[in-house]
N, C-alpha and C. Protein backbone atom coordinates (compact mmCIF):
# COMPACT_ATOMS: atom_id res chain seq x y z
N ILE A 1 0.85 -1.20 0.02
CA ILE A 1 0.03 0.00 0.01
C ILE A 1 0.88 1.27 0.01
N ALA A 2 1.95 1.21 0.74
CA ALA A 2 2.83 2.36 0.76
C ALA A 2 3.32 2.74 -0.62
N ASN A 3 3.70 1.71 -1.42
CA ASN A 3 4.17 1.97 -2.75
C ASN A 3 3.04 2.53 -3.64
N LEU A 4 1.80 2.07 -3.46
CA LEU A 4 0.69 2.59 -4.25
C LEU A 4 0.39 4.04 -3.93
N LYS A 5 0.71 4.43 -2.69
CA LYS A 5 0.53 5.82 -2.29
C LYS A 5 1.60 6.75 -2.91
N GLU A 6 2.55 6.12 -3.63
CA GLU A 6 3.54 6.92 -4.35
C GLU A 6 3.22 7.00 -5.86
N VAL A 7 2.10 6.44 -6.25
CA VAL A 7 1.65 6.46 -7.63
C VAL A 7 0.62 7.54 -7.74
N TYR A 8 0.91 8.57 -8.56
CA TYR A 8 0.00 9.72 -8.71
C TYR A 8 -0.66 9.76 -10.07
N ASP A 9 -1.89 10.17 -10.07
CA ASP A 9 -2.61 10.42 -11.32
C ASP A 9 -2.04 11.70 -11.91
N PRO A 10 -1.39 11.60 -13.07
CA PRO A 10 -0.76 12.81 -13.67
C PRO A 10 -1.65 14.00 -13.84
N GLU A 11 -2.99 13.77 -13.91
CA GLU A 11 -3.88 14.88 -14.04
C GLU A 11 -4.21 15.53 -12.66
N MET A 12 -3.92 14.79 -11.59
CA MET A 12 -4.18 15.29 -10.25
C MET A 12 -2.93 15.06 -9.43
N LEU A 13 -1.88 15.78 -9.77
CA LEU A 13 -0.52 15.51 -9.19
C LEU A 13 -0.50 15.53 -7.62
N SER A 14 -1.40 16.18 -7.05
CA SER A 14 -1.35 16.26 -5.59
C SER A 14 -2.03 15.04 -4.90
N LEU A 15 -2.64 14.15 -5.69
CA LEU A 15 -3.37 12.99 -5.11
C LEU A 15 -2.84 11.67 -5.67
N ASN A 16 -2.59 10.77 -4.77
CA ASN A 16 -2.16 9.46 -5.25
C ASN A 16 -3.41 8.60 -5.54
N ILE A 17 -3.16 7.53 -6.33
CA ILE A 17 -4.26 6.70 -6.78
C ILE A 17 -4.99 5.96 -5.62
N TYR A 18 -4.23 5.66 -4.56
CA TYR A 18 -4.83 4.97 -3.47
C TYR A 18 -5.82 5.88 -2.71
N ASP A 19 -5.40 7.08 -2.41
CA ASP A 19 -6.30 8.03 -1.72
C ASP A 19 -7.41 8.50 -2.59
N LEU A 20 -7.31 8.44 -3.90
CA LEU A 20 -8.36 8.77 -4.80
C LEU A 20 -9.41 7.66 -4.88
N GLY A 21 -9.10 6.53 -4.29
CA GLY A 21 -10.08 5.40 -4.32
C GLY A 21 -10.03 4.62 -5.58
N LEU A 22 -8.86 4.72 -6.35
CA LEU A 22 -8.79 4.02 -7.61
C LEU A 22 -8.35 2.53 -7.46
N ILE A 23 -7.87 2.18 -6.28
CA ILE A 23 -7.45 0.79 -6.01
C ILE A 23 -8.68 0.08 -5.40
N TYR A 24 -9.20 -0.94 -6.11
CA TYR A 24 -10.39 -1.66 -5.65
C TYR A 24 -10.04 -2.93 -4.83
N ASP A 25 -8.95 -3.58 -5.18
CA ASP A 25 -8.61 -4.82 -4.46
C ASP A 25 -7.13 -5.13 -4.66
N ILE A 26 -6.58 -5.75 -3.60
CA ILE A 26 -5.19 -6.23 -3.66
C ILE A 26 -5.22 -7.69 -3.12
N LYS A 27 -4.79 -8.63 -3.94
CA LYS A 27 -4.71 -9.98 -3.52
C LYS A 27 -3.23 -10.39 -3.47
N ILE A 28 -2.84 -11.05 -2.41
CA ILE A 28 -1.48 -11.45 -2.25
C ILE A 28 -1.45 -12.95 -2.02
N ASP A 29 -0.64 -13.67 -2.79
CA ASP A 29 -0.40 -15.08 -2.56
C ASP A 29 1.07 -15.24 -2.21
N GLU A 30 1.35 -15.30 -0.90
CA GLU A 30 2.72 -15.44 -0.42
C GLU A 30 3.40 -16.74 -0.86
N ASP A 31 2.59 -17.82 -0.96
CA ASP A 31 3.19 -19.11 -1.40
C ASP A 31 3.72 -19.03 -2.81
N GLU A 32 2.99 -18.34 -3.70
CA GLU A 32 3.38 -18.25 -5.07
C GLU A 32 4.11 -16.96 -5.41
N SER A 33 4.25 -16.06 -4.43
CA SER A 33 4.98 -14.78 -4.53
C SER A 33 4.39 -13.92 -5.62
N TRP A 34 3.07 -13.82 -5.65
CA TRP A 34 2.44 -12.96 -6.64
C TRP A 34 1.45 -11.99 -5.96
N VAL A 35 1.18 -10.90 -6.68
CA VAL A 35 0.25 -9.90 -6.24
C VAL A 35 -0.65 -9.54 -7.41
N GLU A 36 -1.95 -9.45 -7.10
CA GLU A 36 -2.93 -9.03 -8.08
C GLU A 36 -3.57 -7.75 -7.60
N ILE A 37 -3.53 -6.67 -8.38
CA ILE A 37 -4.08 -5.41 -8.02
C ILE A 37 -5.20 -5.03 -9.02
N THR A 38 -6.36 -4.85 -8.51
CA THR A 38 -7.48 -4.41 -9.34
C THR A 38 -7.74 -2.92 -9.09
N HIS A 39 -7.82 -2.19 -10.16
CA HIS A 39 -7.99 -0.72 -10.02
C HIS A 39 -8.91 -0.22 -11.14
N THR A 40 -9.24 1.06 -11.02
CA THR A 40 -9.99 1.74 -12.08
C THR A 40 -9.23 3.01 -12.42
N LEU A 41 -9.78 3.76 -13.35
CA LEU A 41 -9.24 5.04 -13.73
C LEU A 41 -10.38 6.05 -13.53
N THR A 42 -10.02 7.31 -13.44
CA THR A 42 -11.07 8.35 -13.25
C THR A 42 -11.92 8.43 -14.51
N SER A 43 -11.42 7.98 -15.67
CA SER A 43 -12.17 8.00 -16.89
C SER A 43 -11.71 6.88 -17.78
N ALA A 44 -12.66 6.26 -18.49
CA ALA A 44 -12.24 5.22 -19.46
C ALA A 44 -11.40 5.76 -20.57
N PHE A 45 -11.42 7.07 -20.73
CA PHE A 45 -10.64 7.69 -21.83
C PHE A 45 -9.39 8.37 -21.29
N CYS A 46 -8.94 8.00 -20.14
CA CYS A 46 -7.77 8.57 -19.48
C CYS A 46 -6.56 8.50 -20.44
N PRO A 47 -5.95 9.64 -20.76
CA PRO A 47 -4.78 9.60 -21.65
C PRO A 47 -3.54 9.07 -20.98
N PHE A 48 -3.55 8.91 -19.65
CA PHE A 48 -2.40 8.40 -18.94
C PHE A 48 -2.56 6.97 -18.47
N ALA A 49 -3.55 6.27 -19.01
CA ALA A 49 -3.86 4.87 -18.55
C ALA A 49 -2.64 4.02 -18.54
N GLU A 50 -1.91 3.99 -19.64
CA GLU A 50 -0.71 3.10 -19.77
C GLU A 50 0.31 3.45 -18.69
N GLU A 51 0.53 4.71 -18.51
CA GLU A 51 1.54 5.20 -17.50
C GLU A 51 1.11 4.80 -16.07
N ILE A 52 -0.19 4.89 -15.80
CA ILE A 52 -0.68 4.57 -14.46
C ILE A 52 -0.58 3.06 -14.26
N VAL A 53 -0.96 2.27 -15.23
CA VAL A 53 -0.85 0.79 -15.12
C VAL A 53 0.60 0.39 -14.90
N ASN A 54 1.50 0.98 -15.66
CA ASN A 54 2.93 0.67 -15.47
C ASN A 54 3.39 1.03 -14.07
N SER A 55 2.97 2.16 -13.59
CA SER A 55 3.36 2.58 -12.20
C SER A 55 2.79 1.65 -11.15
N ILE A 56 1.58 1.23 -11.33
CA ILE A 56 0.94 0.28 -10.41
C ILE A 56 1.73 -1.04 -10.42
N THR A 57 2.06 -1.50 -11.59
CA THR A 57 2.84 -2.76 -11.72
C THR A 57 4.14 -2.61 -10.94
N THR A 58 4.85 -1.57 -11.20
CA THR A 58 6.14 -1.33 -10.51
C THR A 58 5.98 -1.26 -8.99
N ALA A 59 4.88 -0.59 -8.56
CA ALA A 59 4.64 -0.51 -7.11
C ALA A 59 4.37 -1.83 -6.46
N GLY A 60 3.86 -2.78 -7.21
CA GLY A 60 3.54 -4.12 -6.70
C GLY A 60 4.71 -4.97 -6.46
N TYR A 61 5.85 -4.63 -7.10
CA TYR A 61 7.02 -5.48 -6.94
C TYR A 61 7.78 -5.05 -5.71
N VAL A 62 7.37 -5.60 -4.58
CA VAL A 62 8.07 -5.44 -3.33
C VAL A 62 8.94 -6.66 -3.10
N GLU A 63 9.74 -6.62 -2.07
CA GLU A 63 10.64 -7.71 -1.73
C GLU A 63 9.85 -9.03 -1.72
N GLY A 64 10.33 -10.05 -2.44
CA GLY A 64 9.73 -11.35 -2.42
C GLY A 64 8.70 -11.60 -3.49
N VAL A 65 8.22 -10.57 -4.18
CA VAL A 65 7.17 -10.71 -5.16
C VAL A 65 7.86 -10.92 -6.52
N ILE A 66 7.45 -11.99 -7.20
CA ILE A 66 8.03 -12.29 -8.51
C ILE A 66 7.06 -12.07 -9.67
N ASN A 67 5.78 -11.89 -9.34
CA ASN A 67 4.79 -11.62 -10.40
C ASN A 67 3.75 -10.65 -9.91
N VAL A 68 3.42 -9.63 -10.74
CA VAL A 68 2.39 -8.69 -10.40
C VAL A 68 1.44 -8.66 -11.59
N GLU A 69 0.16 -8.86 -11.29
CA GLU A 69 -0.85 -8.71 -12.34
C GLU A 69 -1.76 -7.54 -11.98
N VAL A 70 -1.95 -6.66 -12.92
CA VAL A 70 -2.79 -5.48 -12.75
C VAL A 70 -4.00 -5.63 -13.62
N ILE A 71 -5.17 -5.51 -12.96
CA ILE A 71 -6.43 -5.65 -13.68
C ILE A 71 -7.14 -4.29 -13.63
N THR A 72 -7.43 -3.77 -14.83
CA THR A 72 -8.16 -2.51 -14.91
C THR A 72 -9.61 -2.84 -15.13
N THR A 73 -10.48 -2.23 -14.32
CA THR A 73 -11.93 -2.45 -14.45
C THR A 73 -12.66 -1.13 -14.36
N PHE A 74 -13.86 -1.14 -14.90
CA PHE A 74 -14.67 0.12 -14.80
C PHE A 74 -16.01 -0.26 -14.11
N GLU A 75 -16.02 -1.34 -13.39
CA GLU A 75 -17.20 -1.82 -12.63
C GLU A 75 -16.82 -1.94 -11.20
N PRO A 76 -17.27 -1.11 -10.30
CA PRO A 76 -18.07 0.04 -10.58
C PRO A 76 -17.21 1.15 -11.16
N PRO A 77 -17.81 2.09 -11.85
CA PRO A 77 -17.06 3.20 -12.40
C PRO A 77 -16.61 4.16 -11.26
N PHE A 78 -15.59 4.92 -11.48
CA PHE A 78 -15.11 5.85 -10.48
C PHE A 78 -16.12 6.96 -10.36
N THR A 79 -16.32 7.34 -9.08
CA THR A 79 -17.18 8.50 -8.73
C THR A 79 -16.45 9.21 -7.58
N MET A 80 -16.88 10.41 -7.29
CA MET A 80 -16.29 11.13 -6.16
C MET A 80 -16.60 10.42 -4.87
N ASP A 81 -17.60 9.55 -4.83
CA ASP A 81 -17.88 8.75 -3.64
C ASP A 81 -16.76 7.80 -3.28
N SER A 82 -15.88 7.50 -4.26
CA SER A 82 -14.75 6.62 -4.05
C SER A 82 -13.64 7.28 -3.28
N VAL A 83 -13.60 8.58 -3.27
CA VAL A 83 -12.56 9.36 -2.64
C VAL A 83 -12.81 9.39 -1.12
N SER A 84 -11.78 9.19 -0.33
CA SER A 84 -11.92 9.15 1.10
C SER A 84 -12.33 10.55 1.59
N GLU A 85 -13.04 10.53 2.71
CA GLU A 85 -13.47 11.82 3.31
C GLU A 85 -12.27 12.72 3.63
N GLU A 86 -11.21 12.13 4.14
CA GLU A 86 -10.02 12.85 4.48
C GLU A 86 -9.41 13.55 3.23
N THR A 87 -9.37 12.85 2.11
CA THR A 87 -8.86 13.42 0.87
C THR A 87 -9.77 14.57 0.40
N LYS A 88 -11.04 14.37 0.48
CA LYS A 88 -11.99 15.39 0.09
C LYS A 88 -11.79 16.63 0.90
N MET A 89 -11.54 16.47 2.19
CA MET A 89 -11.37 17.64 3.08
C MET A 89 -10.06 18.38 2.71
N ILE A 90 -8.99 17.59 2.46
CA ILE A 90 -7.74 18.19 2.11
C ILE A 90 -7.83 19.01 0.83
N MET A 91 -8.57 18.47 -0.15
CA MET A 91 -8.71 19.12 -1.45
C MET A 91 -9.82 20.19 -1.49
N GLY A 92 -10.57 20.31 -0.38
CA GLY A 92 -11.64 21.29 -0.35
C GLY A 92 -12.83 20.88 -1.17
N TRP A 93 -13.04 19.59 -1.35
CA TRP A 93 -14.18 19.12 -2.18
C TRP A 93 -15.38 18.87 -1.36
């Protein structure tokens, strides 16, 4: 999670994808040394989708992990309801 908090949406440089509520699920299989991260984007037409997916993949490679799978989904779609109350307060939303 700490690594995911270092991945920023290029259109919202002051907010990381984790605090934006873009990470839906993280599965870890310690026996097989893999991580599966399910996420969404703020828009299906996000021009930075590839960059964000690459950054999520990189963030998943922590010590002992040999495989990271990133799943992009739009179900449910991103809404401002996904953003934590703390983040909304910080941003004045």
